[in-house]
Each structure stands twice: as C-alpha cells, then as structure tokens.
PDB file of N, CA and C in Angstrom:
ATOM      1  N   MET A   1     -16.923  -6.513 -24.263  1.00  0.00           N
ATOM      2  CA  MET A   1     -16.141  -7.600 -23.691  1.00  0.00           C
ATOM      3  C   MET A   1     -17.099  -8.727 -23.324  1.00  0.00           C
ATOM      4  N   SER A   2     -16.742  -9.933 -23.669  1.00  0.00           N
ATOM      5  CA  SER A   2     -17.620 -11.062 -23.371  1.00  0.00           C
ATOM      6  C   SER A   2     -17.615 -11.349 -21.868  1.00  0.00           C
ATOM      7  N   ALA A   3     -18.623 -12.060 -21.438  1.00  0.00           N
ATOM      8  CA  ALA A   3     -18.781 -12.353 -20.020  1.00  0.00           C
ATOM      9  C   ALA A   3     -17.637 -13.218 -19.488  1.00  0.00           C
ATOM     10  N   VAL A   4     -17.146 -14.125 -20.323  1.00  0.00           N
ATOM     11  CA  VAL A   4     -16.061 -15.008 -19.888  1.00  0.00           C
ATOM     12  C   VAL A   4     -14.787 -14.202 -19.651  1.00  0.00           C
ATOM     13  N   TRP A   5     -14.442 -13.334 -20.601  1.00  0.00           N
ATOM     14  CA  TRP A   5     -13.229 -12.523 -20.444  1.00  0.00           C
ATOM     15  C   TRP A   5     -13.368 -11.562 -19.284  1.00  0.00           C
ATOM     16  N   SER A   6     -14.535 -11.018 -19.089  1.00  0.00           N
ATOM     17  CA  SER A   6     -14.775 -10.126 -17.958  1.00  0.00           C
ATOM     18  C   SER A   6     -14.573 -10.867 -16.640  1.00  0.00           C
ATOM     19  N   ASP A   7     -15.057 -12.085 -16.561  1.00  0.00           N
ATOM     20  CA  ASP A   7     -14.872 -12.888 -15.349  1.00  0.00           C
ATOM     21  C   ASP A   7     -13.410 -13.250 -15.129  1.00  0.00           C
ATOM     22  N   VAL A   8     -12.686 -13.532 -16.210  1.00  0.00           N
ATOM     23  CA  VAL A   8     -11.259 -13.864 -16.090  1.00  0.00           C
ATOM     24  C   VAL A   8     -10.473 -12.651 -15.594  1.00  0.00           C
ATOM     25  N   VAL A   9     -10.745 -11.479 -16.166  1.00  0.00           N
ATOM     26  CA  VAL A   9     -10.056 -10.250 -15.734  1.00  0.00           C
ATOM     27  C   VAL A   9     -10.374  -9.958 -14.272  1.00  0.00           C
ATOM     28  N   THR A  10     -11.639 -10.111 -13.895  1.00  0.00           N
ATOM     29  CA  THR A  10     -12.033  -9.895 -12.504  1.00  0.00           C
ATOM     30  C   THR A  10     -11.309 -10.865 -11.577  1.00  0.00           C
ATOM     31  N   ALA A  11     -11.265 -12.124 -11.937  1.00  0.00           N
ATOM     32  CA  ALA A  11     -10.601 -13.126 -11.096  1.00  0.00           C
ATOM     33  C   ALA A  11      -9.119 -12.826 -10.939  1.00  0.00           C
ATOM     34  N   VAL A  12      -8.456 -12.463 -12.027  1.00  0.00           N
ATOM     35  CA  VAL A  12      -7.023 -12.175 -11.966  1.00  0.00           C
ATOM     36  C   VAL A  12      -6.748 -10.951 -11.097  1.00  0.00           C
ATOM     37  N   LEU A  13      -7.516  -9.889 -11.294  1.00  0.00           N
ATOM     38  CA  LEU A  13      -7.271  -8.661 -10.534  1.00  0.00           C
ATOM     39  C   LEU A  13      -7.612  -8.820  -9.049  1.00  0.00           C
ATOM     40  N   VAL A  14      -8.689  -9.521  -8.749  1.00  0.00           N
ATOM     41  CA  VAL A  14      -9.039  -9.745  -7.346  1.00  0.00           C
ATOM     42  C   VAL A  14      -8.027 -10.682  -6.691  1.00  0.00           C
ATOM     43  N   LEU A  15      -7.555 -11.673  -7.414  1.00  0.00           N
ATOM     44  CA  LEU A  15      -6.515 -12.550  -6.876  1.00  0.00           C
ATOM     45  C   LEU A  15      -5.219 -11.785  -6.625  1.00  0.00           C
ATOM     46  N   LEU A  16      -4.868 -10.896  -7.540  1.00  0.00           N
ATOM     47  CA  LEU A  16      -3.688 -10.049  -7.349  1.00  0.00           C
ATOM     48  C   LEU A  16      -3.840  -9.188  -6.099  1.00  0.00           C
ATOM     49  N   ALA A  17      -5.019  -8.608  -5.907  1.00  0.00           N
ATOM     50  CA  ALA A  17      -5.264  -7.802  -4.718  1.00  0.00           C
ATOM     51  C   ALA A  17      -5.178  -8.644  -3.449  1.00  0.00           C
ATOM     52  N   ALA A  18      -5.695  -9.865  -3.506  1.00  0.00           N
ATOM     53  CA  ALA A  18      -5.623 -10.752  -2.342  1.00  0.00           C
ATOM     54  C   ALA A  18      -4.178 -11.138  -2.030  1.00  0.00           C
ATOM     55  N   LEU A  19      -3.377 -11.379  -3.056  1.00  0.00           N
ATOM     56  CA  LEU A  19      -1.958 -11.683  -2.840  1.00  0.00           C
ATOM     57  C   LEU A  19      -1.221 -10.496  -2.226  1.00  0.00           C
ATOM     58  N   MET A  20      -1.567  -9.297  -2.651  1.00  0.00           N
ATOM     59  CA  MET A  20      -0.955  -8.110  -2.062  1.00  0.00           C
ATOM     60  C   MET A  20      -1.341  -7.975  -0.589  1.00  0.00           C
ATOM     61  N   CYS A  21      -2.587  -8.274  -0.282  1.00  0.00           N
ATOM     62  CA  CYS A  21      -3.046  -8.242   1.109  1.00  0.00           C
ATOM     63  C   CYS A  21      -2.316  -9.294   1.942  1.00  0.00           C
ATOM     64  N   LEU A  22      -2.143 -10.466   1.370  1.00  0.00           N
ATOM     65  CA  LEU A  22      -1.396 -11.525   2.047  1.00  0.00           C
ATOM     66  C   LEU A  22       0.054 -11.113   2.275  1.00  0.00           C
ATOM     67  N   ALA A  23       0.666 -10.507   1.270  1.00  0.00           N
ATOM     68  CA  ALA A  23       2.054 -10.054   1.404  1.00  0.00           C
ATOM     69  C   ALA A  23       2.180  -9.002   2.505  1.00  0.00           C
ATOM     70  N   ALA A  24       1.222  -8.109   2.572  1.00  0.00           N
ATOM     71  CA  ALA A  24       1.258  -7.095   3.631  1.00  0.00           C
ATOM     72  C   ALA A  24       1.108  -7.733   5.005  1.00  0.00           C
ATOM     73  N   GLY A  25       0.218  -8.703   5.123  1.00  0.00           N
ATOM     74  CA  GLY A  25       0.030  -9.377   6.406  1.00  0.00           C
ATOM     75  C   GLY A  25       1.246 -10.168   6.835  1.00  0.00           C
ATOM     76  N   VAL A  26       1.856 -10.867   5.903  1.00  0.00           N
ATOM     77  CA  VAL A  26       3.075 -11.625   6.219  1.00  0.00           C
ATOM     78  C   VAL A  26       4.197 -10.670   6.615  1.00  0.00           C
ATOM     79  N   GLY A  27       4.314  -9.557   5.904  1.00  0.00           N
ATOM     80  CA  GLY A  27       5.342  -8.578   6.246  1.00  0.00           C
ATOM     81  C   GLY A  27       5.138  -7.983   7.625  1.00  0.00           C
ATOM     82  N   LEU A  28       3.884  -7.720   7.980  1.00  0.00           N
ATOM     83  CA  LEU A  28       3.608  -7.184   9.318  1.00  0.00           C
ATOM     84  C   LEU A  28       3.985  -8.172  10.410  1.00  0.00           C
ATOM     85  N   LEU A  29       3.830  -9.451  10.125  1.00  0.00           N
ATOM     86  CA  LEU A  29       4.167 -10.453  11.130  1.00  0.00           C
ATOM     87  C   LEU A  29       5.655 -10.778  11.161  1.00  0.00           C
ATOM     88  N   ARG A  30       6.324 -10.729  10.015  1.00  0.00           N
ATOM     89  CA  ARG A  30       7.693 -11.216   9.929  1.00  0.00           C
ATOM     90  C   ARG A  30       8.763 -10.155  10.153  1.00  0.00           C
ATOM     91  N   PHE A  31       8.497  -8.914   9.765  1.00  0.00           N
ATOM     92  CA  PHE A  31       9.539  -7.903   9.861  1.00  0.00           C
ATOM     93  C   PHE A  31       9.748  -7.458  11.303  1.00  0.00           C
ATOM     94  N   PRO A  32      10.988  -7.092  11.658  1.00  0.00           N
ATOM     95  CA  PRO A  32      11.337  -6.921  13.064  1.00  0.00           C
ATOM     96  C   PRO A  32      10.982  -5.576  13.699  1.00  0.00           C
ATOM     97  N   ASP A  33      10.887  -4.507  12.934  1.00  0.00           N
ATOM     98  CA  ASP A  33      10.660  -3.213  13.588  1.00  0.00           C
ATOM     99  C   ASP A  33       9.602  -2.405  12.851  1.00  0.00           C
ATOM    100  N   VAL A  34       9.285  -1.256  13.421  1.00  0.00           N
ATOM    101  CA  VAL A  34       8.201  -0.416  12.909  1.00  0.00           C
ATOM    102  C   VAL A  34       8.468   0.045  11.481  1.00  0.00           C
ATOM    103  N   LEU A  35       9.677   0.442  11.190  1.00  0.00           N
ATOM    104  CA  LEU A  35       9.971   1.010   9.878  1.00  0.00           C
ATOM    105  C   LEU A  35       9.784  -0.008   8.761  1.00  0.00           C
ATOM    106  N   THR A  36      10.265  -1.205   8.946  1.00  0.00           N
ATOM    107  CA  THR A  36      10.103  -2.220   7.901  1.00  0.00           C
ATOM    108  C   THR A  36       8.660  -2.716   7.826  1.00  0.00           C
ATOM    109  N   ARG A  37       7.972  -2.750   8.952  1.00  0.00           N
ATOM    110  CA  ARG A  37       6.558  -3.134   8.932  1.00  0.00           C
ATOM    111  C   ARG A  37       5.722  -2.097   8.198  1.00  0.00           C
ATOM    112  N   LEU A  38       6.047  -0.832   8.378  1.00  0.00           N
ATOM    113  CA  LEU A  38       5.328   0.214   7.651  1.00  0.00           C
ATOM    114  C   LEU A  38       5.530   0.067   6.151  1.00  0.00           C
ATOM    115  N   HIS A  39       6.738  -0.243   5.757  1.00  0.00           N
ATOM    116  CA  HIS A  39       7.021  -0.434   4.337  1.00  0.00           C
ATOM    117  C   HIS A  39       6.209  -1.598   3.783  1.00  0.00           C
ATOM    118  N   SER A  40       6.165  -2.688   4.526  1.00  0.00           N
ATOM    119  CA  SER A  40       5.433  -3.856   4.031  1.00  0.00           C
ATOM    120  C   SER A  40       3.929  -3.639   4.054  1.00  0.00           C
ATOM    121  N   ALA A  41       3.438  -2.751   4.887  1.00  0.00           N
ATOM    122  CA  ALA A  41       1.998  -2.498   4.934  1.00  0.00           C
ATOM    123  C   ALA A  41       1.560  -1.480   3.894  1.00  0.00           C
ATOM    124  N   THR A  42       2.412  -0.534   3.550  1.00  0.00           N
ATOM    125  CA  THR A  42       2.013   0.554   2.665  1.00  0.00           C
ATOM    126  C   THR A  42       2.090   0.170   1.195  1.00  0.00           C
ATOM    127  N   LYS A  43       3.174  -0.412   0.755  1.00  0.00           N
ATOM    128  CA  LYS A  43       3.350  -0.716  -0.674  1.00  0.00           C
ATOM    129  C   LYS A  43       2.322  -1.700  -1.215  1.00  0.00           C
ATOM    130  N   PRO A  44       2.144  -2.878  -0.607  1.00  0.00           N
ATOM    131  CA  PRO A  44       1.156  -3.806  -1.158  1.00  0.00           C
ATOM    132  C   PRO A  44      -0.273  -3.280  -1.057  1.00  0.00           C
ATOM    133  N   GLN A  45      -0.535  -2.455  -0.061  1.00  0.00           N
ATOM    134  CA  GLN A  45      -1.877  -1.910   0.101  1.00  0.00           C
ATOM    135  C   GLN A  45      -2.257  -1.054  -1.094  1.00  0.00           C
ATOM    136  N   ILE A  46      -1.352  -0.223  -1.550  1.00  0.00           N
ATOM    137  CA  ILE A  46      -1.619   0.634  -2.713  1.00  0.00           C
ATOM    138  C   ILE A  46      -1.790  -0.220  -3.971  1.00  0.00           C
ATOM    139  N   LEU A  47      -0.920  -1.208  -4.157  1.00  0.00           N
ATOM    140  CA  LEU A  47      -1.018  -2.056  -5.344  1.00  0.00           C
ATOM    141  C   LEU A  47      -2.300  -2.889  -5.336  1.00  0.00           C
ATOM    142  N   GLY A  48      -2.706  -3.384  -4.179  1.00  0.00           N
ATOM    143  CA  GLY A  48      -3.954  -4.129  -4.076  1.00  0.00           C
ATOM    144  C   GLY A  48      -5.162  -3.248  -4.359  1.00  0.00           C
ATOM    145  N   LEU A  49      -5.133  -2.032  -3.841  1.00  0.00           N
ATOM    146  CA  LEU A  49      -6.217  -1.087  -4.111  1.00  0.00           C
ATOM    147  C   LEU A  49      -6.289  -0.761  -5.597  1.00  0.00           C
ATOM    148  N   MET A  50      -5.127  -0.590  -6.220  1.00  0.00           N
ATOM    149  CA  MET A  50      -5.114  -0.310  -7.657  1.00  0.00           C
ATOM    150  C   MET A  50      -5.693  -1.481  -8.453  1.00  0.00           C
ATOM    151  N   ALA A  51      -5.411  -2.706  -8.047  1.00  0.00           N
ATOM    152  CA  ALA A  51      -5.950  -3.873  -8.753  1.00  0.00           C
ATOM    153  C   ALA A  51      -7.469  -3.951  -8.616  1.00  0.00           C
ATOM    154  N   VAL A  52      -7.975  -3.724  -7.416  1.00  0.00           N
ATOM    155  CA  VAL A  52      -9.422  -3.804  -7.204  1.00  0.00           C
ATOM    156  C   VAL A  52     -10.142  -2.673  -7.934  1.00  0.00           C
ATOM    157  N   THR A  53      -9.610  -1.466  -7.848  1.00  0.00           N
ATOM    158  CA  THR A  53     -10.276  -0.350  -8.521  1.00  0.00           C
ATOM    159  C   THR A  53     -10.164  -0.475 -10.047  1.00  0.00           C
ATOM    160  N   LEU A  54      -9.066  -1.036 -10.529  1.00  0.00           N
ATOM    161  CA  LEU A  54      -8.962  -1.283 -11.967  1.00  0.00           C
ATOM    162  C   LEU A  54     -10.017  -2.291 -12.410  1.00  0.00           C
ATOM    163  N   ASP A  55     -10.252  -3.291 -11.583  1.00  0.00           N
ATOM    164  CA  ASP A  55     -11.301  -4.253 -11.894  1.00  0.00           C
ATOM    165  C   ASP A  55     -12.670  -3.569 -11.944  1.00  0.00           C
ATOM    166  N   ILE A  56     -12.919  -2.688 -11.011  1.00  0.00           N
ATOM    167  CA  ILE A  56     -14.197  -1.962 -11.011  1.00  0.00           C
ATOM    168  C   ILE A  56     -14.323  -1.117 -12.270  1.00  0.00           C
ATOM    169  N   ALA A  57     -13.235  -0.449 -12.642  1.00  0.00           N
ATOM    170  CA  ALA A  57     -13.279   0.398 -13.836  1.00  0.00           C
ATOM    171  C   ALA A  57     -13.460  -0.426 -15.107  1.00  0.00           C
ATOM    172  N   VAL A  58     -12.879  -1.619 -15.150  1.00  0.00           N
ATOM    173  CA  VAL A  58     -12.989  -2.459 -16.349  1.00  0.00           C
ATOM    174  C   VAL A  58     -14.387  -3.063 -16.459  1.00  0.00           C
ATOM    175  N   THR A  59     -14.927  -3.551 -15.361  1.00  0.00           N
ATOM    176  CA  THR A  59     -16.220  -4.231 -15.429  1.00  0.00           C
ATOM    177  C   THR A  59     -17.395  -3.264 -15.508  1.00  0.00           C
ATOM    178  N   ASN A  60     -17.266  -2.081 -14.947  1.00  0.00           N
ATOM    179  CA  ASN A  60     -18.340  -1.075 -14.987  1.00  0.00           C
ATOM    180  C   ASN A  60     -17.835   0.174 -15.689  1.00  0.00           C
ATOM    181  N   PHE A  61     -17.461   0.047 -16.931  1.00  0.00           N
ATOM    182  CA  PHE A  61     -16.801   1.146 -17.633  1.00  0.00           C
ATOM    183  C   PHE A  61     -17.791   2.272 -17.945  1.00  0.00           C
ATOM    184  N   SER A  62     -17.503   3.431 -17.354  1.00  0.00           N
ATOM    185  CA  SER A  62     -18.203   4.672 -17.678  1.00  0.00           C
ATOM    186  C   SER A  62     -17.288   5.812 -17.244  1.00  0.00           C
ATOM    187  N   ILE A  63     -17.572   6.986 -17.726  1.00  0.00           N
ATOM    188  CA  ILE A  63     -16.735   8.140 -17.371  1.00  0.00           C
ATOM    189  C   ILE A  63     -16.775   8.398 -15.870  1.00  0.00           C
ATOM    190  N   GLY A  64     -17.940   8.281 -15.278  1.00  0.00           N
ATOM    191  CA  GLY A  64     -18.071   8.506 -13.838  1.00  0.00           C
ATOM    192  C   GLY A  64     -17.286   7.502 -13.014  1.00  0.00           C
ATOM    193  N   THR A  65     -17.356   6.237 -13.408  1.00  0.00           N
ATOM    194  CA  THR A  65     -16.640   5.191 -12.683  1.00  0.00           C
ATOM    195  C   THR A  65     -15.136   5.366 -12.813  1.00  0.00           C
ATOM    196  N   VAL A  66     -14.681   5.629 -14.018  1.00  0.00           N
ATOM    197  CA  VAL A  66     -13.238   5.801 -14.235  1.00  0.00           C
ATOM    198  C   VAL A  66     -12.730   7.028 -13.483  1.00  0.00           C
ATOM    199  N   THR A  67     -13.492   8.111 -13.486  1.00  0.00           N
ATOM    200  CA  THR A  67     -13.097   9.314 -12.754  1.00  0.00           C
ATOM    201  C   THR A  67     -13.020   9.046 -11.258  1.00  0.00           C
ATOM    202  N   LEU A  68     -14.009   8.349 -10.734  1.00  0.00           N
ATOM    203  CA  LEU A  68     -14.008   8.021  -9.310  1.00  0.00           C
ATOM    204  C   LEU A  68     -12.843   7.099  -8.953  1.00  0.00           C
ATOM    205  N   VAL A  69     -12.570   6.117  -9.791  1.00  0.00           N
ATOM    206  CA  VAL A  69     -11.452   5.198  -9.552  1.00  0.00           C
ATOM    207  C   VAL A  69     -10.130   5.952  -9.561  1.00  0.00           C
ATOM    208  N   LEU A  70      -9.947   6.839 -10.521  1.00  0.00           N
ATOM    209  CA  LEU A  70      -8.718   7.629 -10.578  1.00  0.00           C
ATOM    210  C   LEU A  70      -8.569   8.516  -9.343  1.00  0.00           C
ATOM    211  N   ALA A  71      -9.663   9.104  -8.885  1.00  0.00           N
ATOM    212  CA  ALA A  71      -9.601   9.937  -7.676  1.00  0.00           C
ATOM    213  C   ALA A  71      -9.240   9.104  -6.450  1.00  0.00           C
ATOM    214  N   ILE A  72      -9.836   7.932  -6.330  1.00  0.00           N
ATOM    215  CA  ILE A  72      -9.543   7.056  -5.191  1.00  0.00           C
ATOM    216  C   ILE A  72      -8.076   6.653  -5.184  1.00  0.00           C
ATOM    217  N   VAL A  73      -7.573   6.214  -6.323  1.00  0.00           N
ATOM    218  CA  VAL A  73      -6.175   5.780  -6.398  1.00  0.00           C
ATOM    219  C   VAL A  73      -5.235   6.958  -6.158  1.00  0.00           C
ATOM    220  N   LEU A  74      -5.532   8.100  -6.737  1.00  0.00           N
ATOM    221  CA  LEU A  74      -4.678   9.279  -6.566  1.00  0.00           C
ATOM    222  C   LEU A  74      -4.602   9.703  -5.108  1.00  0.00           C
ATOM    223  N   PHE A  75      -5.746   9.846  -4.460  1.00  0.00           N
ATOM    224  CA  PHE A  75      -5.728  10.295  -3.067  1.00  0.00           C
ATOM    225  C   PHE A  75      -5.126   9.262  -2.132  1.00  0.00           C
ATOM    226  N   GLN A  76      -5.366   8.006  -2.397  1.00  0.00           N
ATOM    227  CA  GLN A  76      -4.756   6.971  -1.562  1.00  0.00           C
ATOM    228  C   GLN A  76      -3.244   6.923  -1.781  1.00  0.00           C
ATOM    229  N   ALA A  77      -2.815   7.086  -3.027  1.00  0.00           N
ATOM    230  CA  ALA A  77      -1.381   7.065  -3.318  1.00  0.00           C
ATOM    231  C   ALA A  77      -0.680   8.288  -2.726  1.00  0.00           C
ATOM    232  N   LEU A  78      -1.397   9.373  -2.543  1.00  0.00           N
ATOM    233  CA  LEU A  78      -0.804  10.562  -1.924  1.00  0.00           C
ATOM    234  C   LEU A  78      -0.811  10.488  -0.406  1.00  0.00           C
ATOM    235  N   THR A  79      -1.869   9.947   0.180  1.00  0.00           N
ATOM    236  CA  THR A  79      -1.990   9.995   1.637  1.00  0.00           C
ATOM    237  C   THR A  79      -1.318   8.831   2.357  1.00  0.00           C
ATOM    238  N   ALA A  80      -1.295   7.643   1.784  1.00  0.00           N
ATOM    239  CA  ALA A  80      -0.704   6.495   2.477  1.00  0.00           C
ATOM    240  C   ALA A  80       0.791   6.673   2.753  1.00  0.00           C
ATOM    241  N   PRO A  81       1.603   7.128   1.789  1.00  0.00           N
ATOM    242  CA  PRO A  81       3.016   7.334   2.115  1.00  0.00           C
ATOM    243  C   PRO A  81       3.240   8.444   3.140  1.00  0.00           C
ATOM    244  N   MET A  82       2.412   9.485   3.080  1.00  0.00           N
ATOM    245  CA  MET A  82       2.564  10.559   4.074  1.00  0.00           C
ATOM    246  C   MET A  82       2.195  10.075   5.475  1.00  0.00           C
ATOM    247  N   ALA A  83       1.136   9.293   5.573  1.00  0.00           N
ATOM    248  CA  ALA A  83       0.754   8.745   6.873  1.00  0.00           C
ATOM    249  C   ALA A  83       1.832   7.802   7.402  1.00  0.00           C
ATOM    250  N   ALA A  84       2.383   6.976   6.534  1.00  0.00           N
ATOM    251  CA  ALA A  84       3.458   6.069   6.950  1.00  0.00           C
ATOM    252  C   ALA A  84       4.688   6.855   7.397  1.00  0.00           C
ATOM    253  N   HIS A  85       4.984   7.949   6.704  1.00  0.00           N
ATOM    254  CA  HIS A  85       6.119   8.788   7.090  1.00  0.00           C
ATOM    255  C   HIS A  85       5.898   9.385   8.475  1.00  0.00           C
ATOM    256  N   LEU A  86       4.694   9.856   8.750  1.00  0.00           N
ATOM    257  CA  LEU A  86       4.419  10.448  10.059  1.00  0.00           C
ATOM    258  C   LEU A  86       4.474   9.412  11.171  1.00  0.00           C
ATOM    259  N   VAL A  87       3.985   8.210  10.907  1.00  0.00           N
ATOM    260  CA  VAL A  87       4.074   7.142  11.906  1.00  0.00           C
ATOM    261  C   VAL A  87       5.532   6.747  12.120  1.00  0.00           C
ATOM    262  N   ALA A  88       6.308   6.681  11.051  1.00  0.00           N
ATOM    263  CA  ALA A  88       7.724   6.341  11.176  1.00  0.00           C
ATOM    264  C   ALA A  88       8.480   7.414  11.951  1.00  0.00           C
ATOM    265  N   ARG A  89       8.168   8.674  11.681  1.00  0.00           N
ATOM    266  CA  ARG A  89       8.828   9.759  12.424  1.00  0.00           C
ATOM    267  C   ARG A  89       8.467   9.694  13.905  1.00  0.00           C
ATOM    268  N   ALA A  90       7.208   9.415  14.214  1.00  0.00           N
ATOM    269  CA  ALA A  90       6.795   9.281  15.614  1.00  0.00           C
ATOM    270  C   ALA A  90       7.483   8.093  16.276  1.00  0.00           C
ATOM    271  N   ALA A  91       7.622   6.992  15.555  1.00  0.00           N
ATOM    272  CA  ALA A  91       8.319   5.828  16.103  1.00  0.00           C
ATOM    273  C   ALA A  91       9.783   6.148  16.353  1.00  0.00           C
ATOM    274  N   TYR A  92      10.390   6.923  15.466  1.00  0.00           N
ATOM    275  CA  TYR A  92      11.798   7.291  15.637  1.00  0.00           C
ATOM    276  C   TYR A  92      11.979   8.190  16.856  1.00  0.00           C
ATOM    277  N   VAL A  93      11.115   9.168  16.984  1.00  0.00           N
ATOM    278  CA  VAL A  93      11.233  10.135  18.091  1.00  0.00           C
ATOM    279  C   VAL A  93      11.012   9.454  19.437  1.00  0.00           C
ATOM    280  N   THR A  94      10.114   8.486  19.484  1.00  0.00           N
ATOM    281  CA  THR A  94       9.824   7.801  20.745  1.00  0.00           C
ATOM    282  C   THR A  94      10.657   6.537  20.951  1.00  0.00           C
ATOM    283  N   ASP A  95      11.668   6.330  20.111  1.00  0.00           N
ATOM    284  CA  ASP A  95      12.584   5.181  20.214  1.00  0.00           C
ATOM    285  C   ASP A  95      11.881   3.832  20.137  1.00  0.00           C
ATOM    286  N   HIS A  96      10.889   3.724  19.259  1.00  0.00           N
ATOM    287  CA  HIS A  96      10.223   2.449  19.027  1.00  0.00           C
ATOM    288  C   HIS A  96      10.746   1.799  17.751  1.00  0.00           C
ATOM    289  N   LEU A  97      12.052   1.723  17.629  1.00  0.00           N
ATOM    290  CA  LEU A  97      12.673   1.066  16.489  1.00  0.00           C
ATOM    291  C   LEU A  97      13.996   0.472  16.926  1.00  0.00           C
ATOM    292  N   ARG A  98      14.544  -0.335  16.067  1.00  0.00           N
ATOM    293  CA  ARG A  98      15.834  -0.963  16.383  1.00  0.00           C
ATOM    294  C   ARG A  98      16.933  -0.219  15.639  1.00  0.00           C
ATOM    295  N   PRO A  99      17.765   0.539  16.340  1.00  0.00           N
ATOM    296  CA  PRO A  99      18.819   1.311  15.681  1.00  0.00           C
ATOM    297  C   PRO A  99      19.859   0.441  14.981  1.00  0.00           C
ATOM    298  N   ASP A 100      20.015  -0.809  15.402  1.00  0.00           N
ATOM    299  CA  ASP A 100      20.991  -1.681  14.758  1.00  0.00           C
ATOM    300  C   ASP A 100      20.572  -2.064  13.340  1.00  0.00           C
ATOM    301  N   LEU A 101      19.310  -1.884  12.999  1.00  0.00           N
ATOM    302  CA  LEU A 101      18.837  -2.206  11.655  1.00  0.00           C
ATOM    303  C   LEU A 101      18.938  -1.029  10.693  1.00  0.00           C
ATOM    304  N   LEU A 102      19.235   0.153  11.216  1.00  0.00           N
ATOM    305  CA  LEU A 102      19.349   1.325  10.353  1.00  0.00           C
ATOM    306  C   LEU A 102      20.688   1.310   9.629  1.00  0.00           C
ATOM    307  N   VAL A 103      20.648   1.447   8.337  1.00  0.00           N
ATOM    308  CA  VAL A 103      21.878   1.508   7.553  1.00  0.00           C
ATOM    309  C   VAL A 103      22.471   2.906   7.664  1.00  0.00           C
ATOM    310  N   LEU A 104      21.626   3.904   7.565  1.00  0.00           N
ATOM    311  CA  LEU A 104      22.048   5.293   7.634  1.00  0.00           C
ATOM    312  C   LEU A 104      21.029   6.045   8.469  1.00  0.00           C
ATOM    313  N   ASP A 105      21.484   6.706   9.524  1.00  0.00           N
ATOM    314  CA  ASP A 105      20.589   7.446  10.408  1.00  0.00           C
ATOM    315  C   ASP A 105      20.777   8.944  10.163  1.00  0.00           C
ATOM    316  N   GLU A 106      20.011   9.474   9.246  1.00  0.00           N
ATOM    317  CA  GLU A 106      20.127  10.892   8.882  1.00  0.00           C
ATOM    318  C   GLU A 106      19.474  11.811   9.920  1.00  0.00           C
ATOM    319  N   LEU A 107      18.637  11.285  10.768  1.00  0.00           N
ATOM    320  CA  LEU A 107      17.961  12.114  11.760  1.00  0.00           C
ATOM    321  C   LEU A 107      18.722  12.209  13.083  1.00  0.00           C
ATOM    322  N   ARG A 108      19.770  11.435  13.236  1.00  0.00           N
ATOM    323  CA  ARG A 108      20.496  11.424  14.507  1.00  0.00           C
ATOM    324  C   ARG A 108      21.046  12.817  14.832  1.00  0.00           C
ATOM    325  N   ASP A 109      21.664  13.480  13.865  1.00  0.00           N
ATOM    326  CA  ASP A 109      22.229  14.804  14.130  1.00  0.00           C
ATOM    327  C   ASP A 109      21.146  15.869  14.296  1.00  0.00           C
ATOM    328  N   ALA A 110      20.062  15.745  13.583  1.00  0.00           N
ATOM    329  CA  ALA A 110      18.976  16.722  13.671  1.00  0.00           C
ATOM    330  C   ALA A 110      18.231  16.594  14.987  1.00  0.00           C
ATOM    331  N   ARG A 111      18.224  15.403  15.544  1.00  0.00           N
ATOM    332  CA  ARG A 111      17.491  15.169  16.789  1.00  0.00           C
ATOM    333  C   ARG A 111      18.227  15.729  17.993  1.00  0.00           C
ATOM    334  N   GLY A 112      19.551  15.657  17.954  1.00  0.00           N
ATOM    335  CA  GLY A 112      20.343  16.236  19.040  1.00  0.00           C
ATOM    336  C   GLY A 112      20.577  15.362  20.136  1.00  0.00           C
TER     337      GLY A 112
END
C-alpha cells in the first residue's frame, strides 16, 4: 500500500473513531437518565475502538498485530455490554432512573 493511501485510510478511521467519541460524549450530556446514557456510551465506544484497532491492523499488518487487534475487539465487545448491563441493573435497583421513560418494565414484577 502506498504511503498516501495508508495516510488516507488512517485519517478516515481515526476521524471515524473521533466522531464516535464525540457522539458518546454528546449522548452522555443530552440523554435524561442512566439507561439511555449507558446506551450512548457503550455503542459508540465499541465502534470507535474497532475503527482505531482496524487502523492499527491495516498500517502495521502482521499476524501478531491482527491477532492482538482481534483479541482486543473481541474482549471489549464481550465485556462492555455486560458491564453496562450490570450498571443498568444497579441503577434500576437503587431507583436511579426515570420510570416515566420506560416503555416496558419487565423487572417490576420480579423486583416485588
């Protein structure tokens, strides 16, 4: 890959990651409760990480780099939603959310 194309791919992927970071920050500031803020923080974070690690894999292509990038993305994609779920469950149990924003409250009967 020529140096110009490599720089263009790097610029596009890093810009995409920065936009995802911006979207997460705006969502954290604009959304009204914990559950929607968690959604806005988790989704763009994974996509931004995927863009940056893809850039690393493209610019430094080797088996070791690609394997490490795949491991990073896989573990982050597995742990971030689980962590967000646990924070959301804790927010629900401690009443740190707005019940008027819930469309369907499936935990109401289980909580008692």
